[in-house]
Protein backbone atom coordinates (compact mmCIF):
# COMPACT_ATOMS: atom_id res chain seq x y z
CA MET A 1 -44.80 -59.08 111.51
CA ARG A 2 -46.35 -60.62 108.05
CA ASN A 3 -49.30 -58.42 107.83
CA PRO A 4 -47.62 -55.07 108.12
CA LEU A 5 -45.00 -56.74 105.28
CA VAL A 6 -47.61 -57.84 103.00
CA ALA A 7 -49.91 -54.26 103.57
CA LEU A 8 -46.21 -52.58 102.87
CA LEU A 9 -45.92 -54.48 99.30
CA ALA A 10 -49.55 -54.25 98.56
CA ALA A 11 -49.29 -50.65 98.99
CA LEU A 12 -46.10 -50.80 96.42
CA VAL A 13 -47.59 -52.42 93.75
CA ALA A 14 -50.60 -49.95 93.98
CA ALA A 15 -48.25 -47.44 93.75
CA SER A 16 -46.77 -48.40 90.85
CA ALA A 17 -49.59 -49.12 89.36
CA VAL A 18 -51.10 -45.55 90.02
CA LEU A 19 -47.64 -44.09 88.29
CA LEU A 20 -47.42 -46.10 85.27
CA GLY A 21 -50.96 -45.44 84.72
CA ALA A 22 -50.47 -41.63 84.91
CA GLY A 23 -47.70 -41.91 82.08
CA SER A 24 -49.89 -44.24 79.85
CA ALA A 25 -52.95 -41.43 80.52
CA GLU A 26 -49.93 -38.77 78.70
CA ALA A 27 -49.70 -40.27 75.34
CA ALA A 28 -51.19 -38.57 72.40
CA GLY A 29 -50.68 -38.15 68.92
CA TYR A 30 -50.01 -35.43 66.22
CA ARG A 31 -52.10 -34.59 63.40
CA TYR A 32 -50.19 -33.80 60.38
CA TRP A 33 -49.15 -34.62 57.03
CA SER A 34 -46.37 -37.40 56.96
CA PHE A 35 -43.36 -37.48 53.94
CA TRP A 36 -42.85 -40.62 52.78
CA GLU A 37 -40.14 -41.80 50.39
CA GLY A 38 -40.75 -44.97 47.88
CA ASN A 39 -37.76 -47.77 47.45
CA GLY A 40 -38.95 -48.84 44.07
CA LYS A 41 -41.53 -51.36 46.02
CA THR A 42 -42.11 -49.69 49.76
CA TRP A 43 -42.16 -46.79 51.72
CA GLU A 44 -39.67 -45.07 53.89
CA TYR A 45 -40.47 -42.01 56.21
CA ALA A 46 -38.05 -39.54 55.17
CA THR A 47 -35.10 -38.17 56.87
CA GLN A 48 -35.79 -34.79 55.63
CA GLY A 49 -38.42 -32.29 54.90
CA PRO A 50 -39.88 -31.68 51.21
CA SER A 51 -38.53 -27.97 50.71
CA LEU A 52 -34.72 -29.23 51.85
CA LEU A 53 -35.08 -33.26 50.15
CA ARG A 54 -34.23 -33.23 46.15
CA PRO A 55 -35.20 -35.59 44.70
CA ASP A 56 -33.95 -37.41 41.09
CA ASP A 57 -35.52 -38.10 38.44
CA GLY A 58 -37.24 -40.94 38.57
CA ALA A 59 -37.99 -40.38 42.42
CA VAL A 60 -41.65 -41.48 43.71
CA GLN A 61 -42.61 -39.21 47.11
CA GLY A 62 -45.70 -39.78 49.34
CA PHE A 63 -47.68 -37.40 51.40
CA ARG A 64 -49.78 -38.95 54.36
CA PHE A 65 -52.18 -37.36 56.39
CA ALA A 66 -53.43 -39.18 59.79
CA VAL A 67 -52.95 -38.97 63.31
CA SER A 68 -50.02 -40.88 64.85
CA GLU A 69 -47.66 -40.45 68.16
CA ASP A 70 -44.63 -40.17 65.92
CA SER A 71 -42.33 -41.49 62.89
CA GLY A 72 -42.44 -45.09 64.24
CA ASP A 73 -46.19 -45.45 63.61
CA ALA A 74 -46.88 -43.16 61.26
CA ALA A 75 -49.56 -44.09 58.47
CA GLN A 76 -48.36 -44.88 54.99
CA PRO A 77 -49.59 -43.49 51.82
CA ARG A 78 -52.17 -46.07 50.94
CA ARG A 79 -50.97 -46.35 46.62
CA ALA A 80 -48.08 -48.62 45.57
CA PRO A 81 -44.77 -46.15 45.22
CA ASP A 82 -45.02 -47.30 41.22
CA PHE A 83 -43.23 -44.77 39.29
CA GLY A 84 -43.77 -45.72 36.24
CA ALA A 85 -47.65 -46.47 36.58
CA ILE A 86 -47.82 -42.59 37.75
CA CYS A 87 -45.89 -41.06 35.26
CA ALA A 88 -46.95 -43.49 32.31
CA GLY A 89 -48.85 -40.43 30.91
CA THR A 90 -45.87 -37.61 31.38
CA PRO A 91 -43.41 -38.09 28.94
CA ALA A 92 -39.90 -36.97 29.55
CA LYS A 93 -38.54 -33.70 28.86
CA ASP A 94 -35.00 -32.29 28.03
CA GLY A 95 -33.97 -29.83 30.83
CA GLN A 96 -36.51 -31.39 33.49
CA LYS A 97 -37.29 -34.22 36.10
CA ARG A 98 -40.51 -35.98 36.81
CA VAL A 99 -41.45 -37.02 40.42
CA ALA A 100 -44.29 -39.36 40.89
CA LEU A 101 -46.44 -38.01 43.71
CA VAL A 102 -48.77 -40.19 46.09
CA ILE A 103 -51.04 -37.68 48.20
CA ASP A 104 -53.49 -39.04 50.46
CA PRO A 105 -55.48 -37.34 52.45
CA GLY A 106 -56.24 -39.94 55.07
CA THR A 107 -59.66 -41.03 56.55
CA ALA A 108 -62.44 -39.97 58.23
CA ALA A 109 -60.93 -41.07 61.38
CA ASP A 110 -57.95 -38.60 60.99
CA ALA A 111 -59.75 -35.56 59.97
CA PRO A 112 -60.46 -32.58 61.66
CA ASP A 113 -64.03 -31.98 63.33
CA GLY A 114 -66.29 -30.70 60.37
CA GLU A 115 -64.29 -31.63 57.41
CA LYS A 116 -63.75 -34.68 55.14
CA PRO A 117 -61.29 -36.05 53.53
CA PRO A 118 -60.91 -35.69 49.55
CA ALA A 119 -59.93 -39.31 47.73
CA PRO A 120 -56.45 -40.14 47.38
CA ARG A 121 -54.93 -39.23 44.09
CA THR A 122 -51.18 -39.73 42.28
CA ALA A 123 -49.73 -36.98 40.19
CA CYS A 124 -46.49 -36.76 37.86
CA ALA A 125 -44.30 -33.84 38.44
CA ARG A 126 -42.15 -32.19 35.70
CA VAL A 127 -40.15 -29.91 37.00
CA ALA A 128 -36.13 -28.11 37.22
CA PRO A 129 -34.08 -30.33 37.82
CA ASP A 130 -32.80 -28.69 41.23
CA ALA A 131 -36.28 -28.67 41.80
CA SER A 132 -36.91 -29.48 45.83
CA SER A 133 -40.09 -32.09 46.89
CA ALA A 134 -42.00 -29.36 47.84
CA GLU A 135 -41.75 -27.46 44.82
CA ALA A 136 -42.69 -30.52 42.97
CA LEU A 137 -45.80 -30.72 45.07
CA ALA A 138 -46.45 -27.17 44.31
CA ALA A 139 -46.71 -27.69 40.26
CA VAL A 140 -49.41 -30.50 40.97
CA ALA A 141 -51.38 -30.05 43.97
CA LYS A 142 -51.73 -26.15 45.03
CA PRO A 143 -53.00 -24.60 47.18
CA LEU A 144 -50.43 -25.59 49.55
CA ARG A 145 -50.26 -24.38 53.32
CA TYR A 146 -47.07 -23.61 55.70
CA ASP A 147 -46.82 -21.94 59.25
CA SER A 148 -44.21 -19.82 59.94
CA SER A 149 -41.32 -22.58 60.46
CA ALA A 150 -42.08 -23.98 57.27
CA MET A 151 -43.89 -26.81 58.27
CA LEU A 152 -46.75 -28.43 55.71
CA CYS A 153 -50.15 -27.72 56.92
CA ALA A 154 -52.29 -28.41 54.19
CA ILE A 155 -52.28 -29.96 50.24
CA SER A 156 -54.80 -28.89 47.87
CA GLY A 157 -56.42 -26.95 50.67
CA TYR A 158 -56.75 -30.31 53.07
CA PRO A 159 -57.37 -29.69 56.05
CA LYS A 160 -58.52 -26.22 55.94
CA SER A 161 -56.80 -25.27 59.49
CA GLY A 162 -54.79 -26.73 61.77
CA CYS A 163 -51.37 -27.54 61.44
CA GLY A 164 -49.44 -30.83 63.44
CA GLU A 165 -51.95 -29.73 66.41
CA GLN A 166 -51.62 -32.42 69.16
CA VAL A 167 -54.65 -34.87 70.14
CA SER A 168 -55.29 -35.86 73.02
CA GLY A 169 -54.91 -39.51 73.81
CA GLU A 170 -57.50 -39.42 76.16
CA ASP A 171 -60.80 -37.74 74.47
CA GLY A 172 -59.10 -36.69 71.18
CA SER A 173 -59.46 -33.39 71.66
CA ALA A 174 -57.07 -30.91 70.09
CA LYS A 175 -54.37 -29.02 71.95
CA PRO A 176 -52.15 -26.44 70.45
CA THR A 177 -48.36 -27.64 70.14
CA PRO A 178 -44.84 -25.90 68.73
CA SER A 179 -44.37 -26.43 64.67
CA ALA A 180 -41.45 -28.42 63.91
CA THR A 181 -39.07 -26.99 61.16
CA ALA A 182 -38.93 -28.24 57.72
CA SER A 183 -36.76 -31.12 58.16
CA GLY A 184 -39.46 -32.81 60.60
CA THR A 185 -43.25 -33.46 62.16
CA ALA A 186 -44.62 -32.36 65.34
CA ALA A 187 -44.18 -35.55 66.39
CA ASP A 188 -40.93 -36.35 65.71
CA GLU A 189 -40.15 -33.00 67.72
CA ALA A 190 -42.32 -34.70 70.57
CA ASP A 191 -40.61 -37.36 70.75
CA ARG A 192 -37.01 -36.13 70.81
CA ASP A 193 -38.02 -33.77 73.44
CA GLY A 194 -39.61 -36.81 75.63
CA GLY A 195 -43.34 -36.18 74.74
CA GLY A 196 -44.16 -39.25 73.21
CA GLY A 197 -46.83 -41.57 74.86
CA GLY A 198 -44.39 -44.20 77.22
CA PRO A 199 -43.40 -43.11 80.75
CA SER A 200 -41.06 -39.98 81.24
CA VAL A 201 -37.32 -41.01 82.91
CA GLY A 202 -38.95 -38.68 86.04
CA LEU A 203 -41.79 -41.19 86.47
CA LEU A 204 -39.26 -44.24 85.95
CA VAL A 205 -37.01 -42.76 88.30
CA GLY A 206 -40.09 -41.95 90.83
CA ILE A 207 -40.88 -45.74 90.52
CA GLY A 208 -37.34 -47.00 91.04
CA ALA A 209 -37.59 -45.01 94.21
CA VAL A 210 -40.39 -46.23 95.74
CA LEU A 211 -39.37 -50.01 95.39
CA LEU A 212 -36.17 -48.96 96.62
CA LEU A 213 -37.79 -47.90 100.16
CA GLY A 214 -39.85 -50.79 100.18
CA VAL A 215 -37.42 -53.27 99.75
CA ALA A 216 -35.30 -50.91 102.68
CA ALA A 217 -38.44 -51.29 105.08
CA VAL A 218 -38.87 -55.11 104.44
CA VAL A 219 -34.52 -55.59 105.12
CA GLN A 220 -34.82 -53.10 108.24
CA ALA A 221 -38.05 -54.95 109.60
CA ARG A 222 -36.15 -58.39 109.08
CA ARG A 223 -33.21 -57.52 111.42
CA ARG A 224 -35.56 -55.95 114.00
CA ARG A 225 -37.55 -59.84 114.47
């Protein structure tokens, strides 16, 4: 009786490992411009998109191009959110506000095939008091490129193509993905829809069912002895 039970348990462990492995193999990232707000010392992931957010005078905004699975592991801009340093050469003007911007195109590892990221830079936008973050960015970093759902795709022409495309966790190949709205990113949309890198609910339910069947079989075998 022991040998069949041992074989059954071994099979259950192997099945669980295969199922979990299938979940991890689906892990994927997205290549996109993430949007950040400076709080005076550090960066915080913005909760609104640049076309919706209307920063106050003296605000610092950051944009970082990188590959990430969702907002939780998104790479921050590599320059400090220092309004005083960024806007030191741009004096205040009546009827306008100043918004400091950090634009970080990321590293060569995150760049699309055949493209080289430009160097990170800062700029101080002087715009109307009710201007959005997108308008502040357009004042200092044209040309900008958006997709049909108003997702920011390129800053100062970088990258030349693509917009929030999914990058496979296995071989780095890009796959099309639905674009996000102006208030989020493709990675956030996938995270909310269950398209992140972790095991799905269905996968976990399947593992649980396999384990329950195994336990039931063991109990039944013991009753027959």
